Structures are given as structure tokens and as C-alpha cells.
């Protein structure tokens, strides 16, 4: 029993040889790959597709300008020391930005706390309740209306300053 299930072609055989079939197939594939398809719009605005260019119309060639190979200069690759220095600079910049952001957040928190305290003081002086405080001798004294008005004015200035 032969290894191949078909008989080898002979000069008198009616079966074509496999190599001949492969060669013919490649020839047809190559010729169809070379075909071009042209697309254009006709006088009526319809899109026309054909394997032949349009009659009477001049095709414009699209030219892409590329610089000569030697004209584009790329910087030399960075050494490990240069990369390390660049990394450290970027890291320092990031740390400085983070520090500034923390300081800004702390300032905003301080401003908010001072604003809240100033508003509480202003509300206290405007409430009409009796307010007592200690004098220099350590004795307790009650604020009269003029002292209360003066303290309320100070509290209003603090609110205006801290609560912008």
C-alpha cells in the first residue's frame, strides 16, 4: 500500500501534478492582488467605483514631505547618573508641591477655626445676655452696654478679617 492515497502523475495520466496546481493558484492570486480600485464622484454627485481610472480626469498625486534621514537629530541616550539626577529633581519638586499643599490646607483650617470662633464671639455679644469677665485684680465684673458694643465691634472686625 502506498504512502500517498493518489497515484503520481505520469505523462499519460489525467491527474494534474500538485506543484502545477499550486503554481497556477499563486499566479491568479498575484494578478488579483495587483488590481487597483478607483473611487470618484461623477457629475451627479454619485460615488463611482471601478477598476479603471475616470476618463478625462487628472489624478492628483499625494506627496508627503519627509525630512532626509540625516537631518533629524535625536538626543543621545541619557546615562544612568543623568537619569538618577533627573529622578531626584522630579522627586524634590513633588515633595515641595506636597509640602505647599499641606501648608495651604493647614492655613485654611486655621482660617476656618478662627472664623468660627469670631462668629461665636459676635453672636455672644449680640445675644443680650449678661457677660462677665475678670479685671486686672481678678474680680468679676459685668460688661455694661458701651463695653458690650465695643467688644461686638471688635468681634465684627475679626469676623470680617477671618471669614473672607
N, C-alpha and C. Protein backbone atom coordinates (compact mmCIF):
# COMPACT_ATOMS: atom_id res chain seq x y z
N UNK A 1 0.85 -1.17 0.00
CA UNK A 1 0.00 0.00 0.00
C UNK A 1 0.90 1.24 0.00
N UNK A 2 0.65 2.18 -0.90
CA UNK A 2 1.49 3.37 -0.98
C UNK A 2 1.21 4.34 0.16
N UNK A 3 2.15 5.22 0.44
CA UNK A 3 2.01 6.20 1.50
C UNK A 3 0.99 7.26 1.10
N UNK A 4 1.02 7.66 -0.17
CA UNK A 4 0.09 8.67 -0.64
C UNK A 4 -1.15 8.00 -1.20
N UNK A 5 -2.35 8.54 -0.95
CA UNK A 5 -3.56 7.89 -1.43
C UNK A 5 -3.82 8.13 -2.91
N UNK A 6 -2.96 8.84 -3.61
CA UNK A 6 -3.17 9.06 -5.04
C UNK A 6 -1.95 8.55 -5.79
N UNK A 7 -2.16 8.34 -7.05
CA UNK A 7 -1.07 7.87 -7.89
C UNK A 7 -0.27 9.06 -8.39
N UNK A 8 1.05 8.96 -8.45
CA UNK A 8 1.82 10.05 -9.02
C UNK A 8 1.45 10.23 -10.49
N UNK A 9 1.49 11.49 -10.92
CA UNK A 9 1.09 11.80 -12.30
C UNK A 9 2.15 11.30 -13.25
N UNK A 10 1.70 10.80 -14.33
CA UNK A 10 2.60 10.34 -15.38
C UNK A 10 2.31 11.17 -16.62
N UNK A 11 3.11 11.00 -17.61
CA UNK A 11 2.89 11.78 -18.82
C UNK A 11 1.59 11.42 -19.47
N UNK A 12 1.13 10.21 -19.26
CA UNK A 12 -0.13 9.80 -19.86
C UNK A 12 -1.28 9.90 -18.88
N UNK A 13 -1.03 10.30 -17.62
CA UNK A 13 -2.08 10.37 -16.60
C UNK A 13 -2.97 11.59 -16.81
N UNK A 14 -4.22 11.48 -16.30
CA UNK A 14 -5.13 12.60 -16.47
C UNK A 14 -5.22 13.47 -15.22
N UNK A 15 -4.50 13.13 -14.17
CA UNK A 15 -4.49 13.97 -12.95
C UNK A 15 -3.33 14.95 -13.01
N UNK A 16 -3.60 16.27 -12.78
CA UNK A 16 -2.50 17.25 -12.82
C UNK A 16 -1.62 17.10 -11.59
N UNK A 17 -0.46 17.53 -11.73
CA UNK A 17 0.51 17.45 -10.65
C UNK A 17 0.23 18.57 -9.63
N UNK A 18 0.45 18.30 -8.35
CA UNK A 18 0.13 19.26 -7.28
C UNK A 18 0.95 20.53 -7.43
N UNK A 19 2.17 20.43 -7.82
CA UNK A 19 3.02 21.61 -7.98
C UNK A 19 2.46 22.52 -9.06
N UNK A 20 1.94 21.93 -10.14
CA UNK A 20 1.36 22.72 -11.20
C UNK A 20 0.11 23.47 -10.71
N UNK A 21 -0.69 22.84 -9.89
CA UNK A 21 -1.90 23.47 -9.33
C UNK A 21 -1.51 24.62 -8.40
N UNK A 22 -0.51 24.40 -7.59
CA UNK A 22 -0.06 25.44 -6.67
C UNK A 22 0.47 26.64 -7.44
N UNK A 23 1.23 26.40 -8.49
CA UNK A 23 1.80 27.49 -9.28
C UNK A 23 0.69 28.30 -9.96
N UNK A 24 -0.28 27.64 -10.50
CA UNK A 24 -1.38 28.34 -11.16
C UNK A 24 -2.19 29.14 -10.15
N UNK A 25 -2.41 28.59 -8.96
CA UNK A 25 -3.15 29.30 -7.91
C UNK A 25 -2.41 30.56 -7.49
N UNK A 26 -1.10 30.46 -7.32
CA UNK A 26 -0.32 31.62 -6.94
C UNK A 26 -0.33 32.68 -8.03
N UNK A 27 -0.33 32.27 -9.28
CA UNK A 27 -0.37 33.21 -10.39
C UNK A 27 -1.66 34.01 -10.38
N UNK A 28 -2.79 33.34 -10.16
CA UNK A 28 -4.08 34.04 -10.10
C UNK A 28 -4.17 34.95 -8.88
N UNK A 29 -3.64 34.51 -7.75
CA UNK A 29 -3.66 35.32 -6.54
C UNK A 29 -2.81 36.57 -6.73
N UNK A 30 -1.67 36.43 -7.38
CA UNK A 30 -0.78 37.58 -7.58
C UNK A 30 -1.40 38.60 -8.53
N UNK A 31 -2.05 38.14 -9.59
CA UNK A 31 -2.63 39.09 -10.54
C UNK A 31 -3.83 39.81 -9.94
N UNK A 32 -4.60 39.13 -9.10
CA UNK A 32 -5.74 39.82 -8.49
C UNK A 32 -5.28 40.79 -7.40
N UNK A 33 -4.13 40.54 -6.80
CA UNK A 33 -3.62 41.44 -5.77
C UNK A 33 -3.10 42.73 -6.40
N UNK A 34 -2.70 42.70 -7.67
CA UNK A 34 -2.20 43.89 -8.33
C UNK A 34 -3.31 44.81 -8.83
N UNK A 35 -4.52 44.37 -8.84
CA UNK A 35 -5.63 45.18 -9.34
C UNK A 35 -5.86 46.35 -8.42
N UNK A 36 -6.19 47.52 -9.00
CA UNK A 36 -6.48 48.71 -8.23
C UNK A 36 -7.95 49.05 -8.38
N UNK A 37 -8.47 49.67 -7.35
CA UNK A 37 -9.86 50.11 -7.39
C UNK A 37 -9.85 51.63 -7.28
N UNK A 38 -10.51 52.28 -8.23
CA UNK A 38 -10.59 53.74 -8.26
C UNK A 38 -11.97 54.16 -7.78
N UNK A 39 -12.00 55.20 -6.99
CA UNK A 39 -13.26 55.74 -6.47
C UNK A 39 -13.31 57.23 -6.77
N UNK A 40 -14.42 57.72 -7.31
CA UNK A 40 -14.59 59.14 -7.59
C UNK A 40 -16.07 59.46 -7.61
N UNK A 41 -16.35 60.76 -7.63
CA UNK A 41 -17.74 61.22 -7.71
C UNK A 41 -17.98 61.72 -9.12
N UNK A 42 -19.12 61.32 -9.69
CA UNK A 42 -19.44 61.77 -11.04
C UNK A 42 -20.14 63.13 -11.03
N UNK A 43 -20.62 63.57 -12.18
CA UNK A 43 -21.24 64.89 -12.30
C UNK A 43 -22.49 65.03 -11.44
N UNK A 44 -23.19 63.92 -11.20
CA UNK A 44 -24.43 63.94 -10.40
C UNK A 44 -24.16 63.82 -8.91
N UNK A 45 -22.90 63.69 -8.51
CA UNK A 45 -22.57 63.60 -7.10
C UNK A 45 -22.59 62.18 -6.56
N UNK A 46 -22.78 61.19 -7.46
CA UNK A 46 -22.78 59.80 -7.01
C UNK A 46 -21.36 59.26 -6.96
N UNK A 47 -21.10 58.38 -6.00
CA UNK A 47 -19.79 57.76 -5.87
C UNK A 47 -19.70 56.60 -6.83
N UNK A 48 -18.62 56.60 -7.64
CA UNK A 48 -18.41 55.55 -8.64
C UNK A 48 -17.15 54.80 -8.26
N UNK A 49 -17.23 53.45 -8.33
CA UNK A 49 -16.07 52.61 -8.06
C UNK A 49 -15.80 51.77 -9.31
N UNK A 50 -14.52 51.72 -9.74
CA UNK A 50 -14.18 50.99 -10.94
C UNK A 50 -12.74 50.52 -10.84
N UNK A 51 -12.39 49.53 -11.72
CA UNK A 51 -11.02 49.08 -11.76
C UNK A 51 -10.20 49.91 -12.74
N UNK A 52 -10.84 50.87 -13.44
CA UNK A 52 -10.16 51.76 -14.38
C UNK A 52 -10.31 53.19 -13.87
N UNK A 53 -9.31 54.03 -14.08
CA UNK A 53 -9.42 55.42 -13.61
C UNK A 53 -10.50 56.16 -14.39
N UNK A 54 -11.03 57.25 -13.83
CA UNK A 54 -12.07 58.00 -14.53
C UNK A 54 -11.51 58.64 -15.80
N UNK A 55 -12.34 58.69 -16.82
CA UNK A 55 -11.93 59.22 -18.11
C UNK A 55 -11.95 60.75 -18.06
N UNK A 56 -10.89 61.36 -18.54
CA UNK A 56 -10.84 62.80 -18.66
C UNK A 56 -10.51 63.52 -17.36
N UNK A 57 -10.32 62.82 -16.30
CA UNK A 57 -10.00 63.47 -15.02
C UNK A 57 -8.54 63.19 -14.70
N UNK A 58 -7.86 64.23 -14.25
CA UNK A 58 -6.45 64.09 -13.89
C UNK A 58 -6.37 63.76 -12.41
N UNK A 59 -5.64 62.74 -12.12
CA UNK A 59 -5.49 62.37 -10.72
C UNK A 59 -4.36 63.18 -10.10
N UNK A 60 -4.57 63.61 -8.89
CA UNK A 60 -3.53 64.34 -8.18
C UNK A 60 -2.75 63.36 -7.32
N UNK A 61 -1.45 63.49 -7.40
CA UNK A 61 -0.62 62.63 -6.57
C UNK A 61 -0.46 63.28 -5.21
N UNK A 62 -0.52 62.49 -4.20
CA UNK A 62 -0.35 62.98 -2.85
C UNK A 62 1.11 62.82 -2.47
N UNK A 63 1.75 63.94 -2.17
CA UNK A 63 3.17 63.93 -1.84
C UNK A 63 3.31 64.19 -0.35
N UNK A 64 4.04 63.35 0.29
CA UNK A 64 4.31 63.51 1.72
C UNK A 64 5.77 63.88 1.86
N UNK A 65 5.99 65.06 2.39
CA UNK A 65 7.36 65.51 2.58
C UNK A 65 7.92 64.90 3.86
N UNK A 66 9.02 64.25 3.72
CA UNK A 66 9.70 63.70 4.89
C UNK A 66 11.10 64.28 4.91
N UNK A 67 11.59 64.64 6.06
CA UNK A 67 12.95 65.19 6.13
C UNK A 67 13.95 64.09 5.80
N UNK A 68 15.09 64.48 5.26
CA UNK A 68 16.12 63.47 4.98
C UNK A 68 16.52 62.73 6.25
N UNK A 69 17.01 61.54 6.07
CA UNK A 69 17.31 60.68 7.22
C UNK A 69 18.35 61.29 8.14
N UNK A 70 19.29 62.02 7.62
CA UNK A 70 20.35 62.58 8.45
C UNK A 70 19.97 63.88 9.13
N UNK A 71 18.88 64.53 8.71
CA UNK A 71 18.54 65.84 9.27
C UNK A 71 17.87 65.77 10.63
N UNK A 72 17.23 64.67 10.96
CA UNK A 72 16.58 64.54 12.26
C UNK A 72 17.62 64.11 13.28
N UNK A 73 17.82 64.98 14.26
CA UNK A 73 18.83 64.66 15.26
C UNK A 73 18.13 64.26 16.55
N UNK A 74 18.45 63.10 17.00
CA UNK A 74 17.90 62.62 18.27
C UNK A 74 18.94 62.85 19.34
N UNK A 75 18.50 63.24 20.52
CA UNK A 75 19.48 63.45 21.58
C UNK A 75 20.12 62.12 21.97
N UNK A 76 21.35 62.17 22.43
CA UNK A 76 21.99 60.92 22.83
C UNK A 76 21.29 60.35 24.05
N UNK A 77 21.31 59.05 24.22
CA UNK A 77 20.64 58.46 25.38
C UNK A 77 21.28 58.95 26.69
N UNK A 78 20.44 59.09 27.69
CA UNK A 78 20.92 59.60 28.98
C UNK A 78 21.64 58.50 29.74
N UNK A 79 22.66 58.93 30.46
CA UNK A 79 23.40 57.96 31.26
C UNK A 79 22.60 57.68 32.53
N UNK A 80 23.01 56.68 33.25
CA UNK A 80 22.32 56.30 34.48
C UNK A 80 22.40 57.42 35.52
N UNK A 81 23.53 58.11 35.58
CA UNK A 81 23.69 59.22 36.54
C UNK A 81 22.75 60.37 36.19
N UNK A 82 22.60 60.66 34.89
CA UNK A 82 21.69 61.72 34.47
C UNK A 82 20.24 61.36 34.79
N UNK A 83 19.89 60.11 34.55
CA UNK A 83 18.53 59.66 34.87
C UNK A 83 18.27 59.75 36.37
N UNK A 84 19.26 59.37 37.17
CA UNK A 84 19.12 59.42 38.62
C UNK A 84 18.95 60.87 39.08
N UNK A 85 19.75 61.78 38.52
CA UNK A 85 19.66 63.19 38.89
C UNK A 85 18.30 63.76 38.50
N UNK A 86 17.82 63.41 37.31
CA UNK A 86 16.51 63.88 36.86
C UNK A 86 15.40 63.34 37.77
N UNK A 87 15.52 62.07 38.16
CA UNK A 87 14.53 61.47 39.05
C UNK A 87 14.51 62.20 40.39
N UNK A 88 15.69 62.49 40.93
CA UNK A 88 15.77 63.18 42.22
C UNK A 88 15.19 64.60 42.13
N UNK A 89 15.43 65.28 41.02
CA UNK A 89 14.86 66.62 40.84
C UNK A 89 13.33 66.55 40.80
N UNK A 90 12.80 65.58 40.05
CA UNK A 90 11.34 65.42 39.99
C UNK A 90 10.77 65.07 41.35
N UNK A 91 11.48 64.23 42.08
CA UNK A 91 11.03 63.83 43.42
C UNK A 91 11.02 65.04 44.35
N UNK A 92 12.03 65.90 44.27
CA UNK A 92 12.09 67.11 45.10
C UNK A 92 10.95 68.05 44.75
N UNK A 93 10.66 68.19 43.47
CA UNK A 93 9.55 69.05 43.04
C UNK A 93 8.24 68.53 43.60
N UNK A 94 8.03 67.20 43.52
CA UNK A 94 6.80 66.61 44.06
C UNK A 94 6.70 66.82 45.56
N UNK A 95 7.83 66.66 46.28
CA UNK A 95 7.83 66.88 47.73
C UNK A 95 7.52 68.33 48.07
N UNK A 96 8.10 69.26 47.32
CA UNK A 96 7.83 70.68 47.56
C UNK A 96 6.36 71.01 47.34
N UNK A 97 5.79 70.45 46.27
CA UNK A 97 4.37 70.69 46.00
C UNK A 97 3.49 70.10 47.09
N UNK A 98 3.85 68.91 47.57
CA UNK A 98 3.07 68.28 48.65
C UNK A 98 3.17 69.11 49.93
N UNK A 99 4.37 69.63 50.21
CA UNK A 99 4.56 70.45 51.40
C UNK A 99 3.74 71.73 51.30
N UNK A 100 3.75 72.36 50.13
CA UNK A 100 2.95 73.58 49.93
C UNK A 100 1.47 73.28 50.09
N UNK A 101 1.02 72.15 49.58
CA UNK A 101 -0.40 71.78 49.70
C UNK A 101 -0.77 71.56 51.17
N UNK A 102 0.14 70.91 51.93
CA UNK A 102 -0.12 70.70 53.36
C UNK A 102 -0.20 72.02 54.11
N UNK A 103 0.74 72.94 53.79
CA UNK A 103 0.72 74.24 54.45
C UNK A 103 -0.54 75.02 54.11
N UNK A 104 -0.95 74.94 52.86
CA UNK A 104 -2.18 75.62 52.44
C UNK A 104 -3.39 75.04 53.16
N UNK A 105 -3.43 73.71 53.28
CA UNK A 105 -4.54 73.07 53.98
C UNK A 105 -4.55 73.48 55.46
N UNK A 106 -3.36 73.57 56.07
CA UNK A 106 -3.28 73.98 57.48
C UNK A 106 -3.74 75.43 57.64
N UNK A 107 -3.35 76.29 56.70
CA UNK A 107 -3.78 77.69 56.76
C UNK A 107 -5.29 77.81 56.60
N UNK A 108 -5.86 77.04 55.70
CA UNK A 108 -7.32 77.07 55.51
C UNK A 108 -8.04 76.59 56.75
N UNK A 109 -7.50 75.53 57.38
CA UNK A 109 -8.13 75.02 58.61
C UNK A 109 -8.05 76.07 59.71
N UNK A 110 -6.89 76.72 59.85
CA UNK A 110 -6.72 77.75 60.86
C UNK A 110 -7.69 78.90 60.60
N UNK A 111 -7.79 79.32 59.34
CA UNK A 111 -8.70 80.41 58.98
C UNK A 111 -10.15 80.04 59.31
N UNK A 112 -10.54 78.80 59.02
CA UNK A 112 -11.91 78.35 59.30
C UNK A 112 -12.18 78.33 60.80
N UNK A 113 -11.20 77.82 61.57
CA UNK A 113 -11.37 77.78 63.03
C UNK A 113 -11.48 79.19 63.61
N UNK A 114 -10.63 80.10 63.15
CA UNK A 114 -10.69 81.48 63.64
C UNK A 114 -12.00 82.16 63.23
N UNK A 115 -12.47 81.87 62.05
CA UNK A 115 -13.74 82.43 61.58
C UNK A 115 -14.88 81.94 62.47
N UNK A 116 -14.90 80.64 62.76
CA UNK A 116 -15.96 80.10 63.61
C UNK A 116 -15.91 80.73 65.01
N UNK A 117 -14.71 80.86 65.56
CA UNK A 117 -14.58 81.46 66.89
C UNK A 117 -15.03 82.93 66.87
N UNK A 118 -14.68 83.68 65.85
CA UNK A 118 -15.07 85.09 65.76
C UNK A 118 -16.60 85.21 65.63
N UNK A 119 -17.21 84.32 64.87
CA UNK A 119 -18.68 84.36 64.73
C UNK A 119 -19.36 84.01 66.06
N UNK A 120 -18.81 83.06 66.80
CA UNK A 120 -19.40 82.72 68.12
C UNK A 120 -19.29 83.92 69.07
N UNK A 121 -18.12 84.59 69.08
CA UNK A 121 -17.96 85.76 69.93
C UNK A 121 -18.94 86.87 69.54
N UNK A 122 -19.09 87.11 68.25
CA UNK A 122 -20.02 88.15 67.80
C UNK A 122 -21.44 87.80 68.20
N UNK A 123 -21.82 86.54 68.04
CA UNK A 123 -23.17 86.11 68.42
C UNK A 123 -23.37 86.28 69.93
N UNK A 124 -22.34 86.01 70.72
CA UNK A 124 -22.43 86.15 72.17
C UNK A 124 -22.65 87.62 72.55
N UNK A 125 -21.88 88.53 71.93
CA UNK A 125 -22.03 89.94 72.27
C UNK A 125 -23.35 90.52 71.75
N UNK A 126 -23.90 89.94 70.70
CA UNK A 126 -25.16 90.45 70.17
C UNK A 126 -26.38 89.77 70.81
N UNK A 127 -26.16 88.77 71.64
CA UNK A 127 -27.28 87.99 72.19
C UNK A 127 -28.07 88.75 73.27
N UNK A 128 -27.47 89.68 73.95
CA UNK A 128 -28.17 90.41 75.00
C UNK A 128 -28.00 89.77 76.37
N UNK A 129 -27.32 88.63 76.47
CA UNK A 129 -27.08 88.01 77.77
C UNK A 129 -26.06 88.83 78.55
N UNK A 130 -26.09 88.65 79.85
CA UNK A 130 -25.09 89.32 80.69
C UNK A 130 -23.76 88.61 80.51
N UNK A 131 -22.72 89.41 80.31
CA UNK A 131 -21.38 88.85 80.11
C UNK A 131 -20.48 89.39 81.22
N UNK A 132 -19.81 88.44 81.84
CA UNK A 132 -18.90 88.82 82.92
C UNK A 132 -17.49 88.43 82.52
N UNK A 133 -16.51 89.21 83.00
CA UNK A 133 -15.11 88.87 82.76
C UNK A 133 -14.30 89.30 83.98
N UNK A 134 -13.09 88.85 84.05
CA UNK A 134 -12.22 89.18 85.19
C UNK A 134 -11.40 90.42 84.86
N UNK A 135 -11.29 91.32 85.83
CA UNK A 135 -10.47 92.51 85.65
C UNK A 135 -9.04 92.21 86.08
N UNK A 136 -8.18 93.22 86.08
CA UNK A 136 -6.77 93.03 86.43
C UNK A 136 -6.58 92.55 87.87
N UNK A 137 -7.51 92.90 88.74
CA UNK A 137 -7.42 92.50 90.15
C UNK A 137 -7.97 91.09 90.35
N UNK A 138 -8.52 90.49 89.31
CA UNK A 138 -9.06 89.14 89.42
C UNK A 138 -10.51 89.13 89.86
N UNK A 139 -11.12 90.31 89.95
CA UNK A 139 -12.53 90.38 90.35
C UNK A 139 -13.41 90.25 89.11
N UNK A 140 -14.58 89.73 89.34
CA UNK A 140 -15.54 89.53 88.27
C UNK A 140 -16.33 90.83 88.08
N UNK A 141 -16.42 91.27 86.79
CA UNK A 141 -17.22 92.46 86.51
C UNK A 141 -18.12 92.19 85.31
N UNK A 142 -19.27 92.75 85.30
CA UNK A 142 -20.27 92.59 84.25
C UNK A 142 -20.07 93.73 83.24
N UNK A 143 -20.13 93.40 81.96
CA UNK A 143 -19.97 94.41 80.92
C UNK A 143 -21.23 95.27 80.82
N UNK A 144 -21.03 96.58 80.72
CA UNK A 144 -22.19 97.45 80.51
C UNK A 144 -22.42 97.58 79.00
N UNK A 145 -23.40 98.35 78.59
CA UNK A 145 -23.80 98.44 77.18
C UNK A 145 -22.69 99.02 76.30
N UNK A 146 -21.96 100.00 76.76
CA UNK A 146 -20.90 100.60 75.94
C UNK A 146 -19.74 99.62 75.78
N UNK A 147 -19.40 98.88 76.85
CA UNK A 147 -18.34 97.88 76.75
C UNK A 147 -18.78 96.74 75.81
N UNK A 148 -20.03 96.34 75.93
CA UNK A 148 -20.57 95.28 75.07
C UNK A 148 -20.52 95.73 73.61
N UNK A 149 -20.89 96.98 73.31
CA UNK A 149 -20.87 97.49 71.94
C UNK A 149 -19.43 97.53 71.40
N UNK A 150 -18.48 97.93 72.25
CA UNK A 150 -17.07 97.97 71.83
C UNK A 150 -16.56 96.56 71.54
N UNK A 151 -16.90 95.60 72.39
CA UNK A 151 -16.47 94.20 72.16
C UNK A 151 -17.15 93.62 70.93
N UNK A 152 -18.42 93.98 70.69
CA UNK A 152 -19.12 93.50 69.50
C UNK A 152 -18.48 94.05 68.24
N UNK A 153 -18.01 95.33 68.29
CA UNK A 153 -17.34 95.91 67.13
C UNK A 153 -16.02 95.18 66.86
N UNK A 154 -15.28 94.86 67.92
CA UNK A 154 -14.03 94.10 67.75
C UNK A 154 -14.33 92.72 67.16
N UNK A 155 -15.39 92.08 67.65
CA UNK A 155 -15.76 90.76 67.14
C UNK A 155 -16.17 90.84 65.67
N UNK A 156 -16.87 91.92 65.29
CA UNK A 156 -17.27 92.10 63.89
C UNK A 156 -16.04 92.28 63.00
N UNK A 157 -15.03 93.02 63.47
CA UNK A 157 -13.79 93.17 62.72
C UNK A 157 -13.08 91.83 62.54
N UNK A 158 -13.09 91.02 63.57
CA UNK A 158 -12.46 89.69 63.49
C UNK A 158 -13.20 88.82 62.49
N UNK A 159 -14.54 88.89 62.50
CA UNK A 159 -15.33 88.12 61.52
C UNK A 159 -14.99 88.57 60.11
N UNK A 160 -14.91 89.90 59.90
CA UNK A 160 -14.60 90.43 58.58
C UNK A 160 -13.20 89.99 58.12
N UNK A 161 -12.25 89.91 59.06
CA UNK A 161 -10.89 89.54 58.72
C UNK A 161 -10.75 88.05 58.43
N UNK A 162 -11.32 87.20 59.26
CA UNK A 162 -11.13 85.75 59.14
C UNK A 162 -12.11 85.07 58.19
N UNK A 163 -13.26 85.66 57.96
CA UNK A 163 -14.30 85.00 57.17
C UNK A 163 -14.46 85.62 55.78
N UNK A 164 -13.37 85.81 55.08
CA UNK A 164 -13.42 86.41 53.75
C UNK A 164 -13.94 85.43 52.73
